[in-house]
Amino acid sequence: MNPHVLILGAPGAGKGTQSDRIVEEFGVEHVTTGDALRSNKQMDIGHLGLEYDTPGEYMDQGELVPDEVVNEIVEKALSDADGYVLDGYPRNLDQAEHLSDITTLDAVLYLDVDEDVLVERLTGRRVCEECGAAYHVDFNPPEEEGVCDKCGGDLYQREDDTEETARERIRVYEENTAPVVEFYDDVGSLVRIDGEQTPDEVWDDVKMALEEHA
C-alpha cells in the first residue's frame, strides 16, 4: 500500500512526528514544501512569466515564493513519489483546489490541538547550537539542563518559539488554513484526530485512519 496522505495541523500539532511514522510504516515519501523548494531552487519557471526565472531567486531575495511556483514544485515532487505524506501544503484554499486537480488523496488527517497546548509545546522547544538536535523541556528534556546529550553543545530557545511569536504563528496558520480544513470537511475526506494525546496514542489513531481510508 502506497497511500497519498495529506496531514494538516497548526505549528506544534505534531505533524513532523506522525509524518515520520507514516513514512516508516508505509514506505512513502515525506514531501514538505520547504524541502521541495530547497531541492528545486534552480527549476526553470520562466514559462510562468513572473519576476524571476527560478524559485531560488525569490528565496535569495527573502521574498515569498508565489503560489504558482509552489504549485509547480509540489506537483513535480508528488509525481516523482511512489506514495507520499504531504506536510505544509496546501496553505490556502487556492492551493487546496489546485491539489485536487493534480492528485487524488486517500486521506486527509487533521491533528486537532487546543491553542494553549500548542503554545506550551512550541515555547518548550530547545535546540542545540552545535548540532541542531531538538529537545523539549517537558516532553523530551536533555539529561543535563541546557546541555545537548549528543554533543555537549548549549541549548537555546529559537526566537520563533517565544510565546508572543508562537501565538502569532498559530493565528496566521488558523486564518489561512481554516478554509482548507473546511474544504476537506465539506468533501468528506477529513479525518479529525485528537492531537493532544501522547504521540503513541495519536499514531494508533493515524494508523487506523490510514488502514481504513487508504
N, C-alpha and C. Protein backbone atom coordinates (compact mmCIF):
# COMPACT_ATOMS: atom_id res chain seq x y z
N MET A 1 0.84 -1.20 0.00
CA MET A 1 0.00 0.00 0.00
C MET A 1 0.87 1.25 0.00
N ASN A 2 0.68 2.12 -1.00
CA ASN A 2 1.43 3.37 -1.08
C ASN A 2 0.44 4.54 -1.05
N PRO A 3 -0.05 4.86 0.14
CA PRO A 3 -1.13 5.86 0.24
C PRO A 3 -0.68 7.27 -0.11
N HIS A 4 -1.65 8.07 -0.54
CA HIS A 4 -1.47 9.51 -0.75
C HIS A 4 -2.13 10.21 0.44
N VAL A 5 -1.30 10.76 1.33
CA VAL A 5 -1.81 11.29 2.58
C VAL A 5 -1.47 12.77 2.70
N LEU A 6 -2.45 13.56 3.13
CA LEU A 6 -2.22 14.96 3.48
C LEU A 6 -2.39 15.08 4.98
N ILE A 7 -1.41 15.71 5.65
CA ILE A 7 -1.51 15.91 7.10
C ILE A 7 -1.58 17.40 7.40
N LEU A 8 -2.61 17.80 8.13
CA LEU A 8 -2.84 19.21 8.48
C LEU A 8 -2.77 19.37 10.00
N GLY A 9 -2.37 20.56 10.42
CA GLY A 9 -2.32 20.86 11.85
C GLY A 9 -1.48 22.10 12.07
N ALA A 10 -1.79 22.83 13.12
CA ALA A 10 -1.08 24.07 13.42
C ALA A 10 0.37 23.77 13.82
N PRO A 11 1.23 24.80 13.84
CA PRO A 11 2.60 24.61 14.35
C PRO A 11 2.54 24.01 15.76
N GLY A 12 3.32 22.94 15.99
CA GLY A 12 3.33 22.29 17.29
C GLY A 12 2.33 21.17 17.45
N ALA A 13 1.54 20.90 16.39
CA ALA A 13 0.50 19.86 16.49
C ALA A 13 1.08 18.45 16.42
N GLY A 14 2.32 18.32 15.91
CA GLY A 14 2.95 17.00 15.85
C GLY A 14 2.98 16.40 14.46
N LYS A 15 2.84 17.26 13.42
CA LYS A 15 2.81 16.74 12.04
C LYS A 15 4.11 16.02 11.68
N GLY A 16 5.24 16.60 12.09
CA GLY A 16 6.53 16.00 11.73
C GLY A 16 6.70 14.61 12.32
N THR A 17 6.35 14.48 13.60
CA THR A 17 6.47 13.19 14.29
C THR A 17 5.62 12.13 13.61
N GLN A 18 4.36 12.47 13.33
CA GLN A 18 3.45 11.48 12.72
C GLN A 18 3.82 11.21 11.26
N SER A 19 4.30 12.23 10.56
CA SER A 19 4.74 12.03 9.17
C SER A 19 5.89 11.03 9.12
N ASP A 20 6.84 11.17 10.04
CA ASP A 20 7.99 10.24 10.08
C ASP A 20 7.51 8.81 10.28
N ARG A 21 6.50 8.63 11.13
CA ARG A 21 5.98 7.28 11.39
C ARG A 21 5.24 6.72 10.17
N ILE A 22 4.52 7.59 9.48
CA ILE A 22 3.82 7.15 8.25
C ILE A 22 4.85 6.70 7.21
N VAL A 23 5.92 7.47 7.07
CA VAL A 23 6.99 7.12 6.12
C VAL A 23 7.58 5.75 6.46
N GLU A 24 7.86 5.55 7.75
CA GLU A 24 8.47 4.29 8.20
C GLU A 24 7.53 3.10 8.03
N GLU A 25 6.26 3.31 8.35
CA GLU A 25 5.29 2.21 8.32
C GLU A 25 4.88 1.84 6.90
N PHE A 26 4.68 2.85 6.04
CA PHE A 26 4.10 2.59 4.72
C PHE A 26 5.09 2.74 3.57
N GLY A 27 6.33 3.16 3.88
CA GLY A 27 7.35 3.25 2.83
C GLY A 27 7.09 4.33 1.80
N VAL A 28 6.43 5.43 2.22
CA VAL A 28 6.14 6.53 1.30
C VAL A 28 7.14 7.66 1.54
N GLU A 29 7.06 8.68 0.70
CA GLU A 29 7.96 9.83 0.86
C GLU A 29 7.30 10.92 1.69
N HIS A 30 8.12 11.62 2.48
CA HIS A 30 7.63 12.77 3.24
C HIS A 30 7.91 14.01 2.38
N VAL A 31 6.86 14.59 1.85
CA VAL A 31 7.01 15.77 0.97
C VAL A 31 6.62 17.01 1.77
N THR A 32 7.61 17.88 2.05
CA THR A 32 7.32 19.14 2.71
C THR A 32 7.61 20.27 1.73
N THR A 33 6.87 21.37 1.88
CA THR A 33 7.06 22.49 0.96
C THR A 33 8.50 23.01 1.03
N GLY A 34 9.02 23.13 2.26
CA GLY A 34 10.38 23.66 2.43
C GLY A 34 11.42 22.81 1.73
N ASP A 35 11.35 21.49 1.94
CA ASP A 35 12.32 20.58 1.30
C ASP A 35 12.16 20.62 -0.22
N ALA A 36 10.91 20.63 -0.69
CA ALA A 36 10.65 20.64 -2.14
C ALA A 36 11.22 21.92 -2.77
N LEU A 37 11.05 23.04 -2.08
CA LEU A 37 11.59 24.30 -2.60
C LEU A 37 13.12 24.27 -2.64
N ARG A 38 13.71 23.79 -1.53
CA ARG A 38 15.19 23.75 -1.47
C ARG A 38 15.78 22.85 -2.54
N SER A 39 15.12 21.71 -2.80
CA SER A 39 15.70 20.77 -3.76
C SER A 39 15.39 21.16 -5.22
N ASN A 40 14.53 22.17 -5.40
CA ASN A 40 14.21 22.62 -6.76
C ASN A 40 14.51 24.11 -6.95
N LYS A 41 15.53 24.59 -6.23
CA LYS A 41 15.84 26.03 -6.28
C LYS A 41 16.15 26.51 -7.70
N GLN A 42 16.76 25.61 -8.51
CA GLN A 42 17.18 26.02 -9.85
C GLN A 42 16.17 25.62 -10.95
N MET A 43 15.00 25.16 -10.54
CA MET A 43 13.98 24.75 -11.51
C MET A 43 13.62 25.94 -12.42
N ASP A 44 13.50 25.69 -13.71
CA ASP A 44 13.19 26.75 -14.67
C ASP A 44 11.68 27.06 -14.62
N ILE A 45 11.36 28.28 -14.18
CA ILE A 45 9.95 28.68 -14.12
C ILE A 45 9.69 29.88 -15.04
N GLY A 46 10.57 30.03 -16.03
CA GLY A 46 10.48 31.16 -16.96
C GLY A 46 9.14 31.22 -17.68
N HIS A 47 8.54 30.03 -17.94
CA HIS A 47 7.28 29.99 -18.69
C HIS A 47 6.11 30.61 -17.92
N LEU A 48 6.29 30.84 -16.59
CA LEU A 48 5.20 31.41 -15.80
C LEU A 48 5.12 32.94 -15.95
N GLY A 49 6.17 33.52 -16.55
CA GLY A 49 6.16 34.97 -16.80
C GLY A 49 6.19 35.81 -15.54
N LEU A 50 6.88 35.31 -14.50
CA LEU A 50 6.95 36.04 -13.23
C LEU A 50 8.23 36.87 -13.16
N GLU A 51 8.46 37.47 -11.99
CA GLU A 51 9.61 38.38 -11.83
C GLU A 51 10.94 37.65 -11.98
N TYR A 52 11.02 36.42 -11.47
CA TYR A 52 12.27 35.65 -11.52
C TYR A 52 12.07 34.36 -12.31
N ASP A 53 13.17 33.79 -12.76
CA ASP A 53 13.11 32.57 -13.58
C ASP A 53 13.37 31.28 -12.80
N THR A 54 13.76 31.41 -11.53
CA THR A 54 13.95 30.22 -10.69
C THR A 54 13.41 30.51 -9.28
N PRO A 55 12.95 29.48 -8.57
CA PRO A 55 12.48 29.68 -7.19
C PRO A 55 13.59 30.23 -6.30
N GLY A 56 14.83 29.80 -6.56
CA GLY A 56 15.96 30.21 -5.73
C GLY A 56 16.13 31.72 -5.68
N GLU A 57 15.78 32.41 -6.77
CA GLU A 57 15.94 33.87 -6.79
C GLU A 57 15.00 34.54 -5.80
N TYR A 58 13.77 34.01 -5.68
CA TYR A 58 12.85 34.53 -4.66
C TYR A 58 13.43 34.30 -3.27
N MET A 59 13.95 33.07 -3.05
CA MET A 59 14.46 32.70 -1.74
C MET A 59 15.68 33.54 -1.38
N ASP A 60 16.56 33.76 -2.36
CA ASP A 60 17.77 34.56 -2.10
C ASP A 60 17.43 36.01 -1.76
N GLN A 61 16.33 36.51 -2.31
CA GLN A 61 15.91 37.89 -2.04
C GLN A 61 15.07 37.97 -0.76
N GLY A 62 14.80 36.82 -0.15
CA GLY A 62 13.98 36.80 1.04
C GLY A 62 12.52 37.08 0.76
N GLU A 63 12.11 36.88 -0.50
CA GLU A 63 10.72 37.15 -0.88
C GLU A 63 9.88 35.88 -0.80
N LEU A 64 8.58 36.08 -0.60
CA LEU A 64 7.66 34.96 -0.56
C LEU A 64 7.56 34.34 -1.96
N VAL A 65 7.71 33.03 -2.03
CA VAL A 65 7.62 32.35 -3.32
C VAL A 65 6.14 32.31 -3.73
N PRO A 66 5.79 32.81 -4.94
CA PRO A 66 4.37 32.87 -5.35
C PRO A 66 3.71 31.50 -5.41
N ASP A 67 2.39 31.50 -5.22
CA ASP A 67 1.62 30.26 -5.25
C ASP A 67 1.87 29.45 -6.52
N GLU A 68 1.93 30.14 -7.68
CA GLU A 68 2.10 29.41 -8.94
C GLU A 68 3.37 28.56 -8.93
N VAL A 69 4.42 29.12 -8.31
CA VAL A 69 5.72 28.43 -8.26
C VAL A 69 5.63 27.25 -7.29
N VAL A 70 5.06 27.51 -6.10
CA VAL A 70 4.91 26.43 -5.11
C VAL A 70 4.07 25.30 -5.69
N ASN A 71 3.00 25.66 -6.41
CA ASN A 71 2.14 24.64 -7.02
C ASN A 71 2.93 23.74 -7.97
N GLU A 72 3.76 24.34 -8.82
CA GLU A 72 4.55 23.56 -9.79
C GLU A 72 5.54 22.63 -9.09
N ILE A 73 6.18 23.17 -8.03
CA ILE A 73 7.18 22.38 -7.31
C ILE A 73 6.53 21.20 -6.59
N VAL A 74 5.38 21.45 -5.96
CA VAL A 74 4.68 20.37 -5.27
C VAL A 74 4.22 19.32 -6.28
N GLU A 75 3.71 19.78 -7.42
CA GLU A 75 3.26 18.86 -8.46
C GLU A 75 4.39 17.94 -8.91
N LYS A 76 5.58 18.51 -9.10
CA LYS A 76 6.74 17.72 -9.51
C LYS A 76 7.12 16.72 -8.41
N ALA A 77 7.15 17.18 -7.16
CA ALA A 77 7.53 16.31 -6.04
C ALA A 77 6.57 15.13 -5.90
N LEU A 78 5.28 15.39 -6.06
CA LEU A 78 4.29 14.32 -5.92
C LEU A 78 4.35 13.34 -7.09
N SER A 79 4.62 13.87 -8.29
CA SER A 79 4.67 12.98 -9.46
C SER A 79 5.90 12.07 -9.40
N ASP A 80 6.94 12.52 -8.69
CA ASP A 80 8.16 11.70 -8.55
C ASP A 80 8.05 10.68 -7.43
N ALA A 81 7.03 10.81 -6.56
CA ALA A 81 6.94 9.97 -5.36
C ALA A 81 6.02 8.77 -5.59
N ASP A 82 6.44 7.64 -5.02
CA ASP A 82 5.61 6.44 -5.05
C ASP A 82 4.88 6.36 -3.71
N GLY A 83 3.81 7.13 -3.59
CA GLY A 83 3.13 7.29 -2.32
C GLY A 83 3.79 8.41 -1.53
N TYR A 84 3.01 9.15 -0.74
CA TYR A 84 3.58 10.29 -0.03
C TYR A 84 2.72 10.68 1.17
N VAL A 85 3.35 11.40 2.10
CA VAL A 85 2.63 12.15 3.11
C VAL A 85 3.03 13.61 2.89
N LEU A 86 2.05 14.43 2.58
CA LEU A 86 2.28 15.84 2.22
C LEU A 86 2.06 16.69 3.46
N ASP A 87 3.03 17.56 3.76
CA ASP A 87 3.05 18.31 5.01
C ASP A 87 3.48 19.75 4.70
N GLY A 88 2.63 20.74 5.06
CA GLY A 88 2.99 22.14 4.82
C GLY A 88 2.35 22.73 3.58
N TYR A 89 1.53 21.98 2.91
CA TYR A 89 0.81 22.40 1.70
C TYR A 89 -0.45 21.54 1.62
N PRO A 90 -1.58 22.10 1.27
CA PRO A 90 -1.86 23.48 0.87
C PRO A 90 -2.02 24.40 2.07
N ARG A 91 -1.61 25.67 1.89
CA ARG A 91 -1.70 26.66 2.95
C ARG A 91 -2.91 27.58 2.78
N ASN A 92 -3.58 27.48 1.64
CA ASN A 92 -4.77 28.32 1.43
C ASN A 92 -5.72 27.57 0.48
N LEU A 93 -6.89 28.15 0.29
CA LEU A 93 -7.95 27.49 -0.48
C LEU A 93 -7.55 27.29 -1.95
N ASP A 94 -6.88 28.29 -2.54
CA ASP A 94 -6.46 28.16 -3.94
C ASP A 94 -5.53 26.97 -4.12
N GLN A 95 -4.60 26.81 -3.17
CA GLN A 95 -3.67 25.68 -3.26
C GLN A 95 -4.40 24.35 -3.07
N ALA A 96 -5.40 24.34 -2.19
CA ALA A 96 -6.18 23.10 -1.97
C ALA A 96 -6.92 22.71 -3.25
N GLU A 97 -7.48 23.70 -3.93
CA GLU A 97 -8.19 23.41 -5.17
C GLU A 97 -7.23 22.95 -6.25
N HIS A 98 -6.02 23.54 -6.29
CA HIS A 98 -5.02 23.11 -7.27
C HIS A 98 -4.60 21.66 -6.98
N LEU A 99 -4.43 21.35 -5.68
CA LEU A 99 -4.01 20.00 -5.31
C LEU A 99 -5.03 18.96 -5.77
N SER A 100 -6.31 19.30 -5.68
CA SER A 100 -7.34 18.34 -6.10
C SER A 100 -7.32 18.12 -7.61
N ASP A 101 -6.72 19.07 -8.35
CA ASP A 101 -6.61 18.91 -9.81
C ASP A 101 -5.43 18.03 -10.22
N ILE A 102 -4.41 17.94 -9.36
CA ILE A 102 -3.17 17.25 -9.77
C ILE A 102 -2.96 15.88 -9.13
N THR A 103 -3.73 15.56 -8.09
CA THR A 103 -3.54 14.27 -7.45
C THR A 103 -4.82 13.84 -6.75
N THR A 104 -4.90 12.57 -6.39
CA THR A 104 -6.03 12.05 -5.62
C THR A 104 -5.54 11.67 -4.24
N LEU A 105 -6.15 12.26 -3.22
CA LEU A 105 -5.75 11.96 -1.84
C LEU A 105 -6.55 10.78 -1.30
N ASP A 106 -5.86 9.87 -0.61
CA ASP A 106 -6.56 8.76 0.04
C ASP A 106 -7.11 9.18 1.40
N ALA A 107 -6.36 10.07 2.08
CA ALA A 107 -6.80 10.50 3.42
C ALA A 107 -6.25 11.88 3.72
N VAL A 108 -7.07 12.68 4.40
CA VAL A 108 -6.64 13.99 4.90
C VAL A 108 -6.77 13.94 6.42
N LEU A 109 -5.62 13.98 7.10
CA LEU A 109 -5.60 13.88 8.55
C LEU A 109 -5.43 15.27 9.16
N TYR A 110 -6.28 15.61 10.12
CA TYR A 110 -6.18 16.91 10.80
C TYR A 110 -5.90 16.67 12.27
N LEU A 111 -4.69 17.06 12.71
CA LEU A 111 -4.32 16.90 14.12
C LEU A 111 -4.87 18.10 14.90
N ASP A 112 -5.89 17.83 15.67
CA ASP A 112 -6.64 18.87 16.37
C ASP A 112 -6.04 19.08 17.77
N VAL A 113 -5.50 20.29 18.02
CA VAL A 113 -4.86 20.59 19.30
C VAL A 113 -5.27 22.00 19.75
N ASP A 114 -5.63 22.14 21.03
CA ASP A 114 -6.02 23.43 21.58
C ASP A 114 -4.85 24.42 21.55
N GLU A 115 -5.16 25.71 21.36
CA GLU A 115 -4.09 26.72 21.21
C GLU A 115 -3.15 26.75 22.41
N ASP A 116 -3.68 26.68 23.63
CA ASP A 116 -2.80 26.76 24.81
C ASP A 116 -1.83 25.58 24.86
N VAL A 117 -2.28 24.43 24.42
CA VAL A 117 -1.40 23.24 24.37
C VAL A 117 -0.31 23.45 23.31
N LEU A 118 -0.70 24.01 22.16
CA LEU A 118 0.27 24.30 21.10
C LEU A 118 1.34 25.26 21.60
N VAL A 119 0.91 26.31 22.31
CA VAL A 119 1.86 27.30 22.83
C VAL A 119 2.83 26.64 23.81
N GLU A 120 2.30 25.79 24.67
CA GLU A 120 3.16 25.09 25.64
C GLU A 120 4.20 24.23 24.91
N ARG A 121 3.77 23.57 23.87
CA ARG A 121 4.70 22.72 23.11
C ARG A 121 5.77 23.56 22.42
N LEU A 122 5.33 24.66 21.78
CA LEU A 122 6.26 25.48 20.99
C LEU A 122 7.27 26.21 21.88
N THR A 123 6.79 26.76 23.00
CA THR A 123 7.69 27.55 23.85
C THR A 123 8.66 26.67 24.64
N GLY A 124 8.35 25.38 24.74
CA GLY A 124 9.23 24.47 25.48
C GLY A 124 10.35 23.88 24.64
N ARG A 125 10.36 24.18 23.34
CA ARG A 125 11.39 23.60 22.47
C ARG A 125 12.75 24.24 22.72
N ARG A 126 13.78 23.43 22.71
CA ARG A 126 15.16 23.91 22.81
C ARG A 126 15.99 23.22 21.73
N VAL A 127 16.93 23.96 21.16
CA VAL A 127 17.73 23.43 20.04
C VAL A 127 19.20 23.59 20.37
N CYS A 128 20.02 22.60 19.97
CA CYS A 128 21.45 22.65 20.22
C CYS A 128 22.13 23.60 19.24
N GLU A 129 22.95 24.52 19.78
CA GLU A 129 23.66 25.48 18.93
C GLU A 129 24.67 24.79 18.01
N GLU A 130 25.20 23.65 18.48
CA GLU A 130 26.26 22.97 17.73
C GLU A 130 25.73 22.02 16.65
N CYS A 131 24.86 21.07 17.06
CA CYS A 131 24.47 20.01 16.11
C CYS A 131 23.01 20.11 15.65
N GLY A 132 22.22 21.03 16.26
CA GLY A 132 20.84 21.20 15.81
C GLY A 132 19.85 20.22 16.41
N ALA A 133 20.30 19.34 17.33
CA ALA A 133 19.38 18.38 17.96
C ALA A 133 18.29 19.14 18.72
N ALA A 134 17.06 18.60 18.68
CA ALA A 134 15.92 19.29 19.30
C ALA A 134 15.46 18.57 20.56
N TYR A 135 15.09 19.36 21.55
CA TYR A 135 14.59 18.83 22.83
C TYR A 135 13.33 19.59 23.22
N HIS A 136 12.69 19.11 24.30
CA HIS A 136 11.56 19.84 24.87
C HIS A 136 11.69 19.77 26.38
N VAL A 137 11.49 20.90 27.05
CA VAL A 137 11.73 20.95 28.49
C VAL A 137 10.82 19.99 29.26
N ASP A 138 9.62 19.71 28.73
CA ASP A 138 8.70 18.80 29.42
C ASP A 138 8.67 17.40 28.81
N PHE A 139 8.61 17.34 27.49
CA PHE A 139 8.34 16.05 26.83
C PHE A 139 9.59 15.29 26.42
N ASN A 140 10.68 15.99 26.22
CA ASN A 140 11.91 15.33 25.78
C ASN A 140 13.12 16.11 26.30
N PRO A 141 13.26 16.20 27.65
CA PRO A 141 14.34 17.01 28.20
C PRO A 141 15.71 16.34 28.05
N PRO A 142 16.77 17.15 27.97
CA PRO A 142 18.12 16.56 27.95
C PRO A 142 18.45 16.01 29.34
N GLU A 143 19.46 15.15 29.41
CA GLU A 143 19.84 14.58 30.72
C GLU A 143 20.31 15.68 31.67
N GLU A 144 21.06 16.64 31.12
CA GLU A 144 21.51 17.78 31.92
C GLU A 144 20.89 19.04 31.34
N GLU A 145 20.23 19.83 32.20
CA GLU A 145 19.51 21.01 31.73
C GLU A 145 20.42 21.95 30.94
N GLY A 146 19.96 22.31 29.73
CA GLY A 146 20.70 23.27 28.92
C GLY A 146 21.87 22.71 28.14
N VAL A 147 22.08 21.38 28.24
CA VAL A 147 23.23 20.77 27.57
C VAL A 147 22.77 19.63 26.65
N CYS A 148 23.26 19.62 25.43
CA CYS A 148 22.88 18.59 24.46
C CYS A 148 23.44 17.22 24.83
N ASP A 149 22.58 16.20 24.82
CA ASP A 149 23.02 14.83 25.11
C ASP A 149 24.01 14.32 24.07
N LYS A 150 23.82 14.77 22.82
CA LYS A 150 24.59 14.19 21.72
C LYS A 150 26.00 14.74 21.61
N CYS A 151 26.13 16.09 21.77
CA CYS A 151 27.45 16.67 21.53
C CYS A 151 27.95 17.58 22.64
N GLY A 152 27.11 17.80 23.67
CA GLY A 152 27.53 18.66 24.77
C GLY A 152 27.38 20.14 24.50
N GLY A 153 26.77 20.49 23.35
CA GLY A 153 26.59 21.90 23.00
C GLY A 153 25.52 22.57 23.85
N ASP A 154 25.49 23.90 23.82
CA ASP A 154 24.49 24.66 24.58
C ASP A 154 23.14 24.62 23.86
N LEU A 155 22.08 24.50 24.65
CA LEU A 155 20.72 24.53 24.10
C LEU A 155 20.16 25.95 24.22
N TYR A 156 19.39 26.35 23.21
CA TYR A 156 18.80 27.68 23.24
C TYR A 156 17.36 27.64 22.74
N GLN A 157 16.61 28.68 23.07
CA GLN A 157 15.23 28.81 22.58
C GLN A 157 15.25 29.69 21.34
N ARG A 158 14.73 29.17 20.23
CA ARG A 158 14.69 29.95 18.99
C ARG A 158 13.76 31.14 19.16
N GLU A 159 14.04 32.20 18.41
CA GLU A 159 13.23 33.42 18.51
C GLU A 159 11.76 33.15 18.19
N ASP A 160 11.52 32.23 17.23
CA ASP A 160 10.12 31.98 16.86
C ASP A 160 9.44 30.99 17.81
N ASP A 161 10.10 30.65 18.93
CA ASP A 161 9.49 29.79 19.93
C ASP A 161 9.10 30.54 21.20
N THR A 162 9.17 31.87 21.18
CA THR A 162 8.68 32.64 22.32
C THR A 162 7.15 32.64 22.28
N GLU A 163 6.51 32.92 23.42
CA GLU A 163 5.04 32.82 23.47
C GLU A 163 4.38 33.78 22.48
N GLU A 164 4.85 35.02 22.43
CA GLU A 164 4.24 36.01 21.55
C GLU A 164 4.31 35.56 20.09
N THR A 165 5.50 35.09 19.69
CA THR A 165 5.68 34.64 18.30
C THR A 165 4.88 33.37 18.03
N ALA A 166 4.85 32.47 19.02
CA ALA A 166 4.10 31.22 18.85
C ALA A 166 2.62 31.50 18.62
N ARG A 167 2.05 32.42 19.42
CA ARG A 167 0.62 32.73 19.27
C ARG A 167 0.35 33.39 17.91
N GLU A 168 1.29 34.21 17.45
CA GLU A 168 1.11 34.86 16.14
C GLU A 168 1.18 33.83 15.02
N ARG A 169 2.13 32.88 15.12
CA ARG A 169 2.25 31.82 14.11
C ARG A 169 0.96 31.00 14.04
N ILE A 170 0.39 30.70 15.22
CA ILE A 170 -0.84 29.91 15.26
C ILE A 170 -1.99 30.71 14.65
N ARG A 171 -2.06 32.03 14.98
CA ARG A 171 -3.12 32.88 14.46
C ARG A 171 -3.08 32.93 12.93
N VAL A 172 -1.87 33.13 12.39
CA VAL A 172 -1.70 33.20 10.92
C VAL A 172 -2.09 31.86 10.29
N TYR A 173 -1.64 30.78 10.92
CA TYR A 173 -1.98 29.44 10.41
C TYR A 173 -3.50 29.26 10.36
N GLU A 174 -4.16 29.57 11.48
CA GLU A 174 -5.61 29.37 11.56
C GLU A 174 -6.34 30.22 10.51
N GLU A 175 -5.88 31.46 10.38
CA GLU A 175 -6.52 32.38 9.43
C GLU A 175 -6.46 31.84 8.00
N ASN A 176 -5.27 31.34 7.63
CA ASN A 176 -5.07 30.86 6.26
C ASN A 176 -5.63 29.46 6.03
N THR A 177 -5.53 28.62 7.04
CA THR A 177 -5.79 27.20 6.82
C THR A 177 -7.18 26.76 7.25
N ALA A 178 -7.87 27.56 8.05
CA ALA A 178 -9.25 27.18 8.43
C ALA A 178 -10.11 26.88 7.21
N PRO A 179 -10.04 27.70 6.13
CA PRO A 179 -10.84 27.38 4.94
C PRO A 179 -10.40 26.07 4.28
N VAL A 180 -9.13 25.70 4.42
CA VAL A 180 -8.63 24.44 3.85
C VAL A 180 -9.25 23.26 4.60
N VAL A 181 -9.25 23.37 5.93
CA VAL A 181 -9.85 22.31 6.76
C VAL A 181 -11.33 22.17 6.40
N GLU A 182 -12.01 23.30 6.26
CA GLU A 182 -13.44 23.30 5.90
C GLU A 182 -13.67 22.67 4.53
N PHE A 183 -12.76 22.98 3.59
CA PHE A 183 -12.83 22.44 2.23
C PHE A 183 -12.83 20.91 2.25
N TYR A 184 -11.88 20.32 3.00
CA TYR A 184 -11.80 18.86 3.05
C TYR A 184 -12.93 18.25 3.89
N ASP A 185 -13.40 19.02 4.89
CA ASP A 185 -14.55 18.57 5.68
C ASP A 185 -15.78 18.47 4.79
N ASP A 186 -15.97 19.48 3.93
CA ASP A 186 -17.13 19.53 3.05
C ASP A 186 -17.15 18.38 2.04
N VAL A 187 -15.94 18.01 1.54
CA VAL A 187 -15.90 16.92 0.55
C VAL A 187 -15.87 15.55 1.22
N GLY A 188 -15.82 15.54 2.57
CA GLY A 188 -15.95 14.29 3.30
C GLY A 188 -14.69 13.48 3.45
N SER A 189 -13.52 14.10 3.18
CA SER A 189 -12.27 13.31 3.27
C SER A 189 -11.46 13.62 4.53
N LEU A 190 -11.95 14.55 5.38
CA LEU A 190 -11.19 14.95 6.56
C LEU A 190 -11.39 13.97 7.71
N VAL A 191 -10.27 13.55 8.30
CA VAL A 191 -10.31 12.70 9.50
C VAL A 191 -9.70 13.51 10.64
N ARG A 192 -10.54 13.88 11.61
CA ARG A 192 -10.05 14.63 12.77
C ARG A 192 -9.44 13.68 13.79
N ILE A 193 -8.23 14.02 14.24
CA ILE A 193 -7.52 13.19 15.19
C ILE A 193 -7.16 14.03 16.40
N ASP A 194 -7.41 13.50 17.58
CA ASP A 194 -7.10 14.22 18.82
C ASP A 194 -5.58 14.29 18.98
N GLY A 195 -5.02 15.45 18.65
CA GLY A 195 -3.57 15.61 18.70
C GLY A 195 -3.03 15.89 20.08
N GLU A 196 -3.92 15.94 21.11
CA GLU A 196 -3.46 16.21 22.48
C GLU A 196 -3.10 14.92 23.22
N GLN A 197 -3.32 13.78 22.58
CA GLN A 197 -2.93 12.51 23.18
C GLN A 197 -1.40 12.36 23.13
N THR A 198 -0.88 11.30 23.72
CA THR A 198 0.55 11.03 23.60
C THR A 198 0.86 10.71 22.13
N PRO A 199 2.12 10.90 21.68
CA PRO A 199 2.46 10.57 20.29
C PRO A 199 2.08 9.14 19.90
N ASP A 200 2.22 8.18 20.84
CA ASP A 200 1.87 6.79 20.53
C ASP A 200 0.36 6.63 20.32
N GLU A 201 -0.43 7.33 21.16
CA GLU A 201 -1.89 7.25 21.01
C GLU A 201 -2.34 7.92 19.72
N VAL A 202 -1.70 9.06 19.39
CA VAL A 202 -2.02 9.73 18.12
C VAL A 202 -1.70 8.79 16.97
N TRP A 203 -0.54 8.13 17.05
CA TRP A 203 -0.13 7.23 15.98
C TRP A 203 -1.12 6.08 15.80
N ASP A 204 -1.64 5.54 16.91
CA ASP A 204 -2.64 4.47 16.81
C ASP A 204 -3.85 4.94 15.99
N ASP A 205 -4.29 6.18 16.25
CA ASP A 205 -5.44 6.74 15.52
C ASP A 205 -5.09 7.01 14.05
N VAL A 206 -3.87 7.52 13.82
CA VAL A 206 -3.42 7.81 12.45
C VAL A 206 -3.38 6.51 11.64
N LYS A 207 -2.77 5.50 12.23
CA LYS A 207 -2.61 4.22 11.52
C LYS A 207 -3.98 3.60 11.21
N MET A 208 -4.88 3.67 12.18
CA MET A 208 -6.22 3.12 11.97
C MET A 208 -6.93 3.87 10.84
N ALA A 209 -6.79 5.21 10.84
CA ALA A 209 -7.43 6.01 9.80
C ALA A 209 -6.88 5.67 8.41
N LEU A 210 -5.57 5.47 8.33
CA LEU A 210 -4.97 5.17 7.04
C LEU A 210 -5.36 3.77 6.55
N GLU A 211 -5.41 2.82 7.47
CA GLU A 211 -5.79 1.46 7.08
C GLU A 211 -7.26 1.43 6.62
N GLU A 212 -8.06 2.33 7.20
CA GLU A 212 -9.47 2.38 6.85
C GLU A 212 -9.71 3.12 5.53
N HIS A 213 -8.98 4.23 5.30
CA HIS A 213 -9.26 5.10 4.16
C HIS A 213 -8.36 4.86 2.95
N ALA A 214 -7.14 4.36 3.20
CA ALA A 214 -6.21 4.21 2.07
C ALA A 214 -6.33 2.83 1.48
